[in-house]
Structures are given as C-alpha cells and as structure tokens.
C-alpha cells in the first residue's frame, strides 16, 4: 500500500509542478510588455507569438494535471488504468518534444549563451536576457516538458515493476 501511495503522490506532485511551471512562464510572457511599458523601455516586444507557443502546450498540461487528480492510492487498480491512459498520451508527445529538444539544441544554446557574448557587465547580460525573454521562455518550456516526461516515464517504469513484483508475490 505504501508503494502505491508513493507513486500516486509522485505523479500528482509532478503534474502539479508542471502546471505551475507552465503558468509562471506564461505569466512572465504576458507581463513583459506591461513591465517594459511601465519602465519606459525603448523596445516593447509583442509577446503574441511566444504566447501562442505557450498556449499550444496548455491542453496537454491541463489534461495531465486533471487526470492526475483522479489518482487514488486506495483505488489502486483504477489508478493504474488512469496512469496508463496518461502515459499513452504523454509518451508520443514526450518523444516528439524530445526530438524537438535535440534538433533545437543549437538554437537554444545560441539564445541562452548569446547574452554572455554581449558584454562583461552583469547589468548588460540581464538586460539582454530580458530583451530575449520572448525567445527564451518557449525554449525553456520545451526542455521543462521533456524533463517532466522523463520523470513520468521513470515513475511509470518503477510503478510497473512494483506491480509485477506484487503480482508474482501473491
């Protein structure tokens, strides 16, 4: 029972953090033009394209979160079925995200490391990062999604192993 409770709580926690991370990243993108306007910035970026990228991730993020809320340690067979259903959706999207992360590694590194080539001054680095938030946040979100997928896959593998062990012991 304790092992069942562990993986169920891990999955619930994982998808809660996934939703929180997505929400914070999207909030940063939505608030950036407001902050830039209030700071009387010379350049106020339109975040629409970046927000569209983030919006594309919302249905899956919400689905994973809502499905994980249905998991109950006391109804373990039902929880296994629900998590199997989650992984049937998460596996192909996770593999596609992983492919995108691998293929996009070079542009990601250029976008992340680029500000370091602009100056030796920390303030200039931070300004350059802030100017590039619209580019950086969707990339970071993609790598975050891949990370959440890998964690879910590890939990799934351990869960299946525990289930097989409990069946063979009975």
N, C-alpha and C. Protein backbone atom coordinates (compact mmCIF):
# COMPACT_ATOMS: atom_id res chain seq x y z
N UNK A 1 0.83 -1.20 0.00
CA UNK A 1 0.00 0.00 0.00
C UNK A 1 0.87 1.26 0.00
N UNK A 2 1.94 1.23 0.78
CA UNK A 2 2.80 2.41 0.87
C UNK A 2 3.46 2.72 -0.47
N UNK A 3 3.88 1.65 -1.20
CA UNK A 3 4.48 1.87 -2.52
C UNK A 3 3.47 2.48 -3.48
N UNK A 4 2.21 2.02 -3.40
CA UNK A 4 1.16 2.59 -4.25
C UNK A 4 0.96 4.07 -3.94
N UNK A 5 0.96 4.38 -2.67
CA UNK A 5 0.77 5.77 -2.25
C UNK A 5 1.93 6.63 -2.75
N UNK A 6 3.15 6.08 -2.73
CA UNK A 6 4.32 6.84 -3.18
C UNK A 6 4.23 7.23 -4.64
N UNK A 7 3.95 6.28 -5.53
CA UNK A 7 3.92 6.64 -6.95
C UNK A 7 2.73 7.52 -7.28
N UNK A 8 1.60 7.30 -6.62
CA UNK A 8 0.42 8.15 -6.86
C UNK A 8 0.73 9.59 -6.45
N UNK A 9 1.32 9.77 -5.26
CA UNK A 9 1.66 11.11 -4.80
C UNK A 9 2.74 11.75 -5.68
N UNK A 10 3.68 10.94 -6.16
CA UNK A 10 4.72 11.46 -7.06
C UNK A 10 4.11 11.98 -8.36
N UNK A 11 3.18 11.23 -8.92
CA UNK A 11 2.53 11.64 -10.17
C UNK A 11 1.71 12.90 -9.95
N UNK A 12 0.95 12.94 -8.86
CA UNK A 12 0.15 14.13 -8.57
C UNK A 12 1.04 15.36 -8.41
N UNK A 13 2.11 15.20 -7.69
CA UNK A 13 3.05 16.29 -7.47
C UNK A 13 3.71 16.72 -8.78
N UNK A 14 4.12 15.76 -9.59
CA UNK A 14 4.77 16.05 -10.87
C UNK A 14 3.90 16.93 -11.76
N UNK A 15 2.65 16.54 -11.92
CA UNK A 15 1.79 17.29 -12.83
C UNK A 15 1.31 18.60 -12.22
N UNK A 16 1.28 18.70 -10.91
CA UNK A 16 1.01 19.99 -10.29
C UNK A 16 2.15 20.95 -10.58
N UNK A 17 3.40 20.50 -10.40
CA UNK A 17 4.56 21.35 -10.69
C UNK A 17 4.64 21.68 -12.18
N UNK A 18 4.23 20.76 -13.02
CA UNK A 18 4.20 21.02 -14.46
C UNK A 18 3.25 22.19 -14.76
N UNK A 19 2.06 22.16 -14.16
CA UNK A 19 1.09 23.24 -14.37
C UNK A 19 1.59 24.56 -13.80
N UNK A 20 2.21 24.51 -12.63
CA UNK A 20 2.75 25.73 -12.02
C UNK A 20 3.85 26.33 -12.89
N UNK A 21 4.75 25.50 -13.37
CA UNK A 21 5.85 25.99 -14.22
C UNK A 21 5.31 26.61 -15.50
N UNK A 22 4.36 25.94 -16.14
CA UNK A 22 3.76 26.48 -17.35
C UNK A 22 3.07 27.82 -17.05
N UNK A 23 2.34 27.89 -15.96
CA UNK A 23 1.62 29.12 -15.60
C UNK A 23 2.58 30.28 -15.35
N UNK A 24 3.65 30.02 -14.62
CA UNK A 24 4.61 31.09 -14.34
C UNK A 24 5.30 31.57 -15.61
N UNK A 25 5.68 30.64 -16.47
CA UNK A 25 6.33 31.02 -17.73
C UNK A 25 5.39 31.85 -18.60
N UNK A 26 4.14 31.45 -18.67
CA UNK A 26 3.16 32.19 -19.47
C UNK A 26 2.89 33.56 -18.85
N UNK A 27 2.84 33.62 -17.54
CA UNK A 27 2.63 34.89 -16.85
C UNK A 27 3.78 35.86 -17.13
N UNK A 28 4.99 35.37 -17.11
CA UNK A 28 6.16 36.22 -17.42
C UNK A 28 6.02 36.81 -18.83
N UNK A 29 5.65 35.96 -19.77
CA UNK A 29 5.49 36.43 -21.15
C UNK A 29 4.37 37.46 -21.27
N UNK A 30 3.27 37.22 -20.56
CA UNK A 30 2.14 38.14 -20.64
C UNK A 30 2.44 39.48 -19.97
N UNK A 31 3.22 39.46 -18.90
CA UNK A 31 3.51 40.69 -18.16
C UNK A 31 4.68 41.49 -18.75
N UNK A 32 5.51 40.86 -19.56
CA UNK A 32 6.70 41.54 -20.07
C UNK A 32 6.39 42.86 -20.77
N UNK A 33 5.42 42.94 -21.69
CA UNK A 33 5.16 44.23 -22.34
C UNK A 33 4.66 45.29 -21.36
N UNK A 34 3.92 44.86 -20.35
CA UNK A 34 3.43 45.80 -19.34
C UNK A 34 4.60 46.35 -18.53
N UNK A 35 5.48 45.46 -18.12
CA UNK A 35 6.67 45.88 -17.36
C UNK A 35 7.54 46.80 -18.20
N UNK A 36 7.74 46.43 -19.46
CA UNK A 36 8.55 47.27 -20.36
C UNK A 36 7.93 48.65 -20.56
N UNK A 37 6.62 48.70 -20.69
CA UNK A 37 5.93 49.98 -20.87
C UNK A 37 6.05 50.84 -19.62
N UNK A 38 5.85 50.22 -18.45
CA UNK A 38 5.96 50.97 -17.20
C UNK A 38 7.40 51.45 -16.96
N UNK A 39 8.37 50.67 -17.43
CA UNK A 39 9.77 51.05 -17.27
C UNK A 39 10.23 52.01 -18.36
N UNK A 40 9.29 52.39 -19.25
CA UNK A 40 9.59 53.30 -20.35
C UNK A 40 10.75 52.78 -21.21
N UNK A 41 10.67 51.49 -21.50
CA UNK A 41 11.70 50.84 -22.31
C UNK A 41 11.66 51.36 -23.74
N UNK A 42 12.83 51.35 -24.38
CA UNK A 42 12.92 51.77 -25.78
C UNK A 42 12.26 50.74 -26.71
N UNK A 43 12.19 49.51 -26.26
CA UNK A 43 11.69 48.42 -27.10
C UNK A 43 10.66 47.63 -26.31
N UNK A 44 9.40 47.67 -26.76
CA UNK A 44 8.35 46.87 -26.13
C UNK A 44 7.95 45.79 -27.14
N UNK A 45 8.27 44.57 -26.78
CA UNK A 45 8.05 43.44 -27.68
C UNK A 45 6.60 42.97 -27.61
N UNK A 46 6.06 42.58 -28.75
CA UNK A 46 4.75 41.97 -28.81
C UNK A 46 4.93 40.48 -28.48
N UNK A 47 4.34 40.00 -27.38
CA UNK A 47 4.58 38.61 -26.97
C UNK A 47 3.64 37.61 -27.61
N UNK A 48 2.86 38.03 -28.60
CA UNK A 48 1.82 37.17 -29.15
C UNK A 48 2.35 35.83 -29.65
N UNK A 49 3.42 35.84 -30.42
CA UNK A 49 3.95 34.58 -30.96
C UNK A 49 4.38 33.64 -29.83
N UNK A 50 5.08 34.17 -28.85
CA UNK A 50 5.52 33.33 -27.73
C UNK A 50 4.33 32.83 -26.92
N UNK A 51 3.32 33.67 -26.75
CA UNK A 51 2.12 33.25 -26.02
C UNK A 51 1.36 32.16 -26.78
N UNK A 52 1.39 32.24 -28.10
CA UNK A 52 0.75 31.18 -28.91
C UNK A 52 1.47 29.86 -28.68
N UNK A 53 2.80 29.89 -28.68
CA UNK A 53 3.56 28.65 -28.41
C UNK A 53 3.20 28.08 -27.04
N UNK A 54 3.10 28.97 -26.06
CA UNK A 54 2.75 28.50 -24.71
C UNK A 54 1.31 27.99 -24.68
N UNK A 55 0.41 28.64 -25.41
CA UNK A 55 -1.00 28.21 -25.43
C UNK A 55 -1.14 26.82 -26.06
N UNK A 56 -0.27 26.51 -27.01
CA UNK A 56 -0.31 25.18 -27.63
C UNK A 56 -0.03 24.07 -26.61
N UNK A 57 0.72 24.39 -25.58
CA UNK A 57 1.04 23.39 -24.56
C UNK A 57 -0.05 23.28 -23.50
N UNK A 58 -0.96 24.24 -23.45
CA UNK A 58 -1.94 24.26 -22.36
C UNK A 58 -2.88 23.06 -22.34
N UNK A 59 -3.47 22.64 -23.47
CA UNK A 59 -4.40 21.50 -23.39
C UNK A 59 -3.76 20.24 -22.79
N UNK A 60 -2.56 19.92 -23.23
CA UNK A 60 -1.88 18.74 -22.68
C UNK A 60 -1.53 18.91 -21.21
N UNK A 61 -1.04 20.09 -20.87
CA UNK A 61 -0.68 20.36 -19.47
C UNK A 61 -1.91 20.23 -18.58
N UNK A 62 -3.03 20.79 -19.02
CA UNK A 62 -4.26 20.71 -18.24
C UNK A 62 -4.78 19.28 -18.17
N UNK A 63 -4.71 18.55 -19.29
CA UNK A 63 -5.16 17.16 -19.31
C UNK A 63 -4.37 16.32 -18.31
N UNK A 64 -3.04 16.43 -18.36
CA UNK A 64 -2.20 15.65 -17.44
C UNK A 64 -2.53 15.99 -15.99
N UNK A 65 -2.69 17.28 -15.72
CA UNK A 65 -3.00 17.71 -14.35
C UNK A 65 -4.35 17.16 -13.88
N UNK A 66 -5.39 17.33 -14.69
CA UNK A 66 -6.73 16.89 -14.28
C UNK A 66 -6.80 15.37 -14.14
N UNK A 67 -6.14 14.65 -15.03
CA UNK A 67 -6.13 13.19 -14.92
C UNK A 67 -5.39 12.74 -13.66
N UNK A 68 -4.30 13.43 -13.34
CA UNK A 68 -3.52 13.03 -12.15
C UNK A 68 -4.32 13.26 -10.87
N UNK A 69 -5.24 14.20 -10.88
CA UNK A 69 -6.08 14.45 -9.70
C UNK A 69 -7.01 13.28 -9.42
N UNK A 70 -7.28 12.44 -10.42
CA UNK A 70 -8.18 11.29 -10.26
C UNK A 70 -7.49 10.09 -9.61
N UNK A 71 -6.16 10.14 -9.51
CA UNK A 71 -5.42 9.02 -8.93
C UNK A 71 -5.68 8.93 -7.43
N UNK A 72 -5.97 7.72 -6.95
CA UNK A 72 -6.21 7.49 -5.53
C UNK A 72 -5.43 6.26 -5.07
N UNK A 73 -4.63 6.43 -4.00
CA UNK A 73 -3.87 5.26 -3.51
C UNK A 73 -4.77 4.12 -3.03
N UNK A 74 -5.99 4.44 -2.61
CA UNK A 74 -6.90 3.40 -2.10
C UNK A 74 -7.57 2.61 -3.22
N UNK A 75 -7.68 3.20 -4.40
CA UNK A 75 -8.26 2.53 -5.56
C UNK A 75 -7.15 2.28 -6.57
N UNK A 76 -6.28 1.35 -6.25
CA UNK A 76 -5.03 1.21 -6.99
C UNK A 76 -5.23 0.70 -8.42
N UNK A 77 -6.18 -0.20 -8.63
CA UNK A 77 -6.41 -0.69 -10.00
C UNK A 77 -6.90 0.45 -10.90
N UNK A 78 -7.81 1.26 -10.37
CA UNK A 78 -8.30 2.42 -11.13
C UNK A 78 -7.15 3.40 -11.38
N UNK A 79 -6.30 3.59 -10.39
CA UNK A 79 -5.16 4.50 -10.54
C UNK A 79 -4.19 3.99 -11.61
N UNK A 80 -3.96 2.68 -11.64
CA UNK A 80 -3.11 2.11 -12.69
C UNK A 80 -3.69 2.38 -14.07
N UNK A 81 -5.01 2.20 -14.22
CA UNK A 81 -5.66 2.44 -15.51
C UNK A 81 -5.53 3.91 -15.92
N UNK A 82 -5.73 4.80 -14.97
CA UNK A 82 -5.65 6.24 -15.27
C UNK A 82 -4.23 6.61 -15.68
N UNK A 83 -3.23 6.12 -14.95
CA UNK A 83 -1.86 6.48 -15.28
C UNK A 83 -1.43 5.85 -16.61
N UNK A 84 -1.94 4.65 -16.90
CA UNK A 84 -1.68 4.06 -18.22
C UNK A 84 -2.24 4.96 -19.32
N UNK A 85 -3.43 5.50 -19.10
CA UNK A 85 -4.05 6.41 -20.07
C UNK A 85 -3.22 7.69 -20.21
N UNK A 86 -2.76 8.23 -19.09
CA UNK A 86 -1.91 9.42 -19.13
C UNK A 86 -0.65 9.14 -19.95
N UNK A 87 -0.01 8.02 -19.70
CA UNK A 87 1.24 7.70 -20.39
C UNK A 87 1.01 7.39 -21.88
N UNK A 88 -0.20 6.92 -22.24
CA UNK A 88 -0.49 6.71 -23.66
C UNK A 88 -0.50 8.04 -24.41
N UNK A 89 -0.85 9.11 -23.72
CA UNK A 89 -0.83 10.44 -24.33
C UNK A 89 0.55 11.07 -24.17
N UNK A 90 1.13 10.89 -22.99
CA UNK A 90 2.39 11.57 -22.67
C UNK A 90 3.57 10.99 -23.44
N UNK A 91 3.56 9.70 -23.73
CA UNK A 91 4.70 9.09 -24.41
C UNK A 91 4.91 9.63 -25.82
N UNK A 92 3.90 9.64 -26.70
CA UNK A 92 4.17 10.18 -28.04
C UNK A 92 4.49 11.68 -28.02
N UNK A 93 3.79 12.43 -27.17
CA UNK A 93 4.09 13.87 -27.11
C UNK A 93 5.46 14.11 -26.48
N UNK A 94 5.82 13.28 -25.51
CA UNK A 94 7.13 13.41 -24.88
C UNK A 94 8.25 13.07 -25.85
N UNK A 95 8.05 12.04 -26.66
CA UNK A 95 9.06 11.67 -27.65
C UNK A 95 9.18 12.76 -28.71
N UNK A 96 8.04 13.32 -29.15
CA UNK A 96 8.08 14.43 -30.11
C UNK A 96 8.79 15.64 -29.50
N UNK A 97 8.50 15.93 -28.24
CA UNK A 97 9.18 17.03 -27.55
C UNK A 97 10.67 16.78 -27.42
N UNK A 98 11.03 15.54 -27.14
CA UNK A 98 12.44 15.16 -27.04
C UNK A 98 13.14 15.35 -28.38
N UNK A 99 12.48 14.97 -29.45
CA UNK A 99 13.06 15.17 -30.79
C UNK A 99 13.25 16.67 -31.06
N UNK A 100 12.25 17.47 -30.71
CA UNK A 100 12.37 18.92 -30.89
C UNK A 100 13.47 19.51 -30.04
N UNK A 101 13.62 18.98 -28.84
CA UNK A 101 14.68 19.47 -27.95
C UNK A 101 16.06 19.13 -28.49
N UNK A 102 16.21 17.94 -29.05
CA UNK A 102 17.50 17.55 -29.62
C UNK A 102 17.79 18.35 -30.89
N UNK A 103 16.80 18.43 -31.78
CA UNK A 103 17.00 19.18 -33.03
C UNK A 103 17.18 20.67 -32.78
N UNK A 104 16.57 21.18 -31.73
CA UNK A 104 16.66 22.60 -31.44
C UNK A 104 17.74 22.97 -30.44
N UNK A 105 18.62 22.03 -30.13
CA UNK A 105 19.64 22.31 -29.11
C UNK A 105 20.56 23.46 -29.51
N UNK A 106 21.00 23.48 -30.76
CA UNK A 106 21.91 24.54 -31.19
C UNK A 106 21.26 25.93 -31.10
N UNK A 107 20.05 26.13 -31.65
CA UNK A 107 19.43 27.46 -31.49
C UNK A 107 19.17 27.80 -30.02
N UNK A 108 18.82 26.79 -29.22
CA UNK A 108 18.60 27.03 -27.80
C UNK A 108 19.88 27.53 -27.14
N UNK A 109 20.99 26.88 -27.42
CA UNK A 109 22.26 27.30 -26.82
C UNK A 109 22.66 28.69 -27.29
N UNK A 110 22.40 28.99 -28.56
CA UNK A 110 22.70 30.34 -29.06
C UNK A 110 21.86 31.38 -28.32
N UNK A 111 20.59 31.09 -28.13
CA UNK A 111 19.71 32.04 -27.44
C UNK A 111 20.07 32.18 -25.96
N UNK A 112 20.48 31.10 -25.33
CA UNK A 112 20.82 31.15 -23.91
C UNK A 112 22.20 31.76 -23.70
N UNK A 113 23.18 31.35 -24.51
CA UNK A 113 24.55 31.80 -24.30
C UNK A 113 24.85 33.13 -25.00
N UNK A 114 24.02 33.53 -25.95
CA UNK A 114 24.24 34.77 -26.68
C UNK A 114 24.45 36.00 -25.82
N UNK A 115 23.64 36.23 -24.80
CA UNK A 115 23.84 37.41 -23.96
C UNK A 115 25.22 37.49 -23.30
N UNK A 116 25.84 36.33 -23.07
CA UNK A 116 27.15 36.35 -22.43
C UNK A 116 28.23 36.91 -23.37
N UNK A 117 27.94 36.92 -24.66
CA UNK A 117 28.92 37.45 -25.61
C UNK A 117 28.76 38.96 -25.81
N UNK A 118 27.75 39.57 -25.21
CA UNK A 118 27.49 40.99 -25.45
C UNK A 118 28.36 41.90 -24.60
N UNK A 119 28.72 41.46 -23.40
CA UNK A 119 29.45 42.36 -22.51
C UNK A 119 29.97 41.57 -21.31
N UNK A 120 30.88 42.22 -20.58
CA UNK A 120 31.35 41.64 -19.33
C UNK A 120 30.53 42.14 -18.15
N UNK A 121 29.61 43.04 -18.40
CA UNK A 121 28.83 43.67 -17.35
C UNK A 121 27.57 42.85 -17.05
N UNK A 122 27.34 42.55 -15.77
CA UNK A 122 26.18 41.75 -15.37
C UNK A 122 24.88 42.45 -15.76
N UNK A 123 24.83 43.76 -15.59
CA UNK A 123 23.63 44.51 -15.94
C UNK A 123 23.28 44.38 -17.41
N UNK A 124 24.28 44.40 -18.26
CA UNK A 124 24.05 44.24 -19.71
C UNK A 124 23.56 42.84 -20.01
N UNK A 125 24.12 41.84 -19.33
CA UNK A 125 23.66 40.46 -19.52
C UNK A 125 22.19 40.35 -19.16
N UNK A 126 21.83 40.89 -18.01
CA UNK A 126 20.44 40.80 -17.56
C UNK A 126 19.50 41.54 -18.51
N UNK A 127 19.93 42.71 -18.99
CA UNK A 127 19.12 43.45 -19.95
C UNK A 127 18.92 42.64 -21.23
N UNK A 128 19.98 42.00 -21.70
CA UNK A 128 19.89 41.21 -22.93
C UNK A 128 18.99 40.00 -22.71
N UNK A 129 19.11 39.35 -21.56
CA UNK A 129 18.21 38.23 -21.26
C UNK A 129 16.77 38.72 -21.25
N UNK A 130 16.51 39.85 -20.60
CA UNK A 130 15.15 40.38 -20.52
C UNK A 130 14.60 40.70 -21.92
N UNK A 131 15.45 41.25 -22.79
CA UNK A 131 15.01 41.53 -24.15
C UNK A 131 14.66 40.25 -24.91
N UNK A 132 15.32 39.16 -24.57
CA UNK A 132 15.11 37.89 -25.27
C UNK A 132 14.16 36.93 -24.56
N UNK A 133 13.44 37.41 -23.56
CA UNK A 133 12.53 36.53 -22.82
C UNK A 133 11.53 35.87 -23.75
N UNK A 134 11.03 36.60 -24.73
CA UNK A 134 10.07 36.03 -25.67
C UNK A 134 10.61 34.84 -26.44
N UNK A 135 11.92 34.81 -26.68
CA UNK A 135 12.55 33.66 -27.34
C UNK A 135 12.90 32.56 -26.34
N UNK A 136 13.35 32.97 -25.17
CA UNK A 136 13.87 32.00 -24.21
C UNK A 136 12.80 31.17 -23.51
N UNK A 137 11.70 31.80 -23.13
CA UNK A 137 10.69 31.09 -22.33
C UNK A 137 10.09 29.90 -23.07
N UNK A 138 9.70 30.02 -24.33
CA UNK A 138 9.20 28.80 -25.00
C UNK A 138 10.24 27.68 -25.09
N UNK A 139 11.52 28.05 -25.29
CA UNK A 139 12.57 27.02 -25.30
C UNK A 139 12.69 26.35 -23.94
N UNK A 140 12.74 27.15 -22.91
CA UNK A 140 12.85 26.60 -21.55
C UNK A 140 11.62 25.74 -21.24
N UNK A 141 10.47 26.19 -21.71
CA UNK A 141 9.25 25.41 -21.51
C UNK A 141 9.33 24.06 -22.20
N UNK A 142 9.88 24.03 -23.40
CA UNK A 142 10.05 22.76 -24.12
C UNK A 142 10.97 21.81 -23.33
N UNK A 143 12.09 22.33 -22.87
CA UNK A 143 13.01 21.49 -22.10
C UNK A 143 12.40 21.08 -20.77
N UNK A 144 11.57 21.95 -20.20
CA UNK A 144 10.84 21.58 -18.98
C UNK A 144 9.87 20.45 -19.25
N UNK A 145 9.15 20.53 -20.37
CA UNK A 145 8.21 19.47 -20.73
C UNK A 145 8.93 18.14 -20.91
N UNK A 146 10.07 18.18 -21.57
CA UNK A 146 10.85 16.95 -21.77
C UNK A 146 11.30 16.39 -20.42
N UNK A 147 11.72 17.28 -19.53
CA UNK A 147 12.13 16.84 -18.19
C UNK A 147 10.97 16.18 -17.46
N UNK A 148 9.79 16.80 -17.51
CA UNK A 148 8.62 16.20 -16.87
C UNK A 148 8.26 14.86 -17.50
N UNK A 149 8.42 14.75 -18.81
CA UNK A 149 8.16 13.48 -19.48
C UNK A 149 9.12 12.39 -18.98
N UNK A 150 10.39 12.71 -18.91
CA UNK A 150 11.38 11.72 -18.46
C UNK A 150 11.07 11.28 -17.03
N UNK A 151 10.73 12.22 -16.17
CA UNK A 151 10.38 11.87 -14.78
C UNK A 151 9.14 10.97 -14.77
N UNK A 152 8.12 11.31 -15.56
CA UNK A 152 6.91 10.49 -15.63
C UNK A 152 7.24 9.09 -16.15
N UNK A 153 8.11 8.99 -17.13
CA UNK A 153 8.49 7.69 -17.67
C UNK A 153 9.22 6.84 -16.62
N UNK A 154 10.06 7.48 -15.82
CA UNK A 154 10.76 6.75 -14.74
C UNK A 154 9.76 6.27 -13.69
N UNK A 155 8.83 7.14 -13.30
CA UNK A 155 7.79 6.74 -12.34
C UNK A 155 6.98 5.59 -12.91
N UNK A 156 6.64 5.68 -14.19
CA UNK A 156 5.86 4.62 -14.85
C UNK A 156 6.60 3.30 -14.84
N UNK A 157 7.88 3.35 -15.14
CA UNK A 157 8.68 2.12 -15.16
C UNK A 157 8.75 1.48 -13.76
N UNK A 158 8.99 2.31 -12.76
CA UNK A 158 9.04 1.79 -11.38
C UNK A 158 7.68 1.25 -10.94
N UNK A 159 6.62 1.94 -11.32
CA UNK A 159 5.26 1.52 -10.97
C UNK A 159 4.96 0.15 -11.57
N UNK A 160 5.31 -0.03 -12.84
CA UNK A 160 5.06 -1.31 -13.49
C UNK A 160 5.88 -2.42 -12.86
N UNK A 161 7.13 -2.11 -12.50
CA UNK A 161 7.98 -3.11 -11.85
C UNK A 161 7.39 -3.52 -10.50
N UNK A 162 6.92 -2.54 -9.73
CA UNK A 162 6.31 -2.84 -8.43
C UNK A 162 5.05 -3.68 -8.60
N UNK A 163 4.28 -3.37 -9.63
CA UNK A 163 3.04 -4.10 -9.87
C UNK A 163 3.34 -5.54 -10.23
N UNK A 164 4.34 -5.77 -11.08
CA UNK A 164 4.73 -7.13 -11.45
C UNK A 164 5.23 -7.88 -10.23
N UNK A 165 6.04 -7.24 -9.40
CA UNK A 165 6.54 -7.88 -8.18
C UNK A 165 5.42 -8.24 -7.23
N UNK A 166 4.43 -7.35 -7.09
CA UNK A 166 3.33 -7.63 -6.16
C UNK A 166 2.44 -8.76 -6.68
N UNK A 167 2.32 -8.89 -8.02
CA UNK A 167 1.52 -9.97 -8.60
C UNK A 167 2.24 -11.30 -8.44
N UNK A 168 3.55 -11.30 -8.62
CA UNK A 168 4.30 -12.56 -8.50
C UNK A 168 4.41 -13.01 -7.05
N UNK A 169 4.36 -12.09 -6.10
CA UNK A 169 4.42 -12.45 -4.68
C UNK A 169 3.10 -13.08 -4.21
N UNK A 170 1.98 -12.67 -4.85
CA UNK A 170 0.68 -13.18 -4.41
C UNK A 170 0.37 -14.54 -4.90
